[in-house]
């Protein structure tokens, strides 16, 4: 598992990418936050099975 410090740095670096992704999703009529939350939930569930 990644350290809290690493996770914090990664979120900071990826923040602009997530913002652009949300903007692109909105332009396509998709609720980006809802979709993102689904992807996170699905990823965590898959990781828990490993």
Protein backbone atom coordinates (compact mmCIF):
# COMPACT_ATOMS: atom_id res chain seq x y z
CA UNK A 1 0.00 0.00 0.00
CA UNK A 2 1.27 3.48 -0.85
CA UNK A 3 2.27 5.88 1.89
CA UNK A 4 0.01 8.79 2.76
CA UNK A 5 2.68 11.23 1.56
CA UNK A 6 2.97 9.52 -1.83
CA UNK A 7 -0.81 9.37 -2.23
CA UNK A 8 -1.08 13.07 -1.42
CA UNK A 9 1.60 13.97 -3.98
CA UNK A 10 -0.02 11.78 -6.61
CA UNK A 11 -3.43 13.38 -6.10
CA UNK A 12 -1.83 16.82 -6.45
CA UNK A 13 -0.11 15.89 -9.71
CA UNK A 14 -3.21 14.22 -11.14
CA UNK A 15 -5.64 16.96 -10.11
CA UNK A 16 -5.40 18.89 -13.42
CA UNK A 17 -5.96 15.67 -15.38
CA UNK A 18 -9.03 14.84 -13.31
CA UNK A 19 -10.38 18.37 -13.78
CA UNK A 20 -9.98 18.09 -17.55
CA UNK A 21 -11.56 14.64 -17.54
CA UNK A 22 -14.57 15.99 -15.62
CA UNK A 23 -14.87 18.89 -18.05
CA UNK A 24 -14.74 16.54 -21.04
CA UNK A 25 -17.32 14.24 -19.46
CA UNK A 26 -19.67 17.17 -18.87
CA UNK A 27 -19.33 18.26 -22.51
CA UNK A 28 -20.56 14.78 -23.47
CA UNK A 29 -23.54 14.93 -21.11
CA UNK A 30 -21.99 12.59 -18.55
CA UNK A 31 -21.97 13.23 -14.80
CA UNK A 32 -18.21 12.97 -14.42
CA UNK A 33 -18.20 12.92 -10.64
CA UNK A 34 -20.70 10.06 -10.58
CA UNK A 35 -18.70 8.15 -13.19
CA UNK A 36 -15.41 8.80 -11.38
CA UNK A 37 -16.86 7.59 -8.08
CA UNK A 38 -18.10 4.44 -9.84
CA UNK A 39 -14.63 3.77 -11.28
CA UNK A 40 -13.02 4.23 -7.86
CA UNK A 41 -15.58 1.93 -6.20
CA UNK A 42 -15.14 -0.71 -8.90
CA UNK A 43 -11.35 -0.51 -8.69
CA UNK A 44 -11.37 -0.92 -4.92
CA UNK A 45 -13.71 -3.91 -5.18
CA UNK A 46 -11.45 -5.53 -7.77
CA UNK A 47 -8.35 -4.87 -5.65
CA UNK A 48 -10.03 -6.40 -2.61
CA UNK A 49 -10.48 -9.65 -4.54
CA UNK A 50 -6.76 -9.94 -5.25
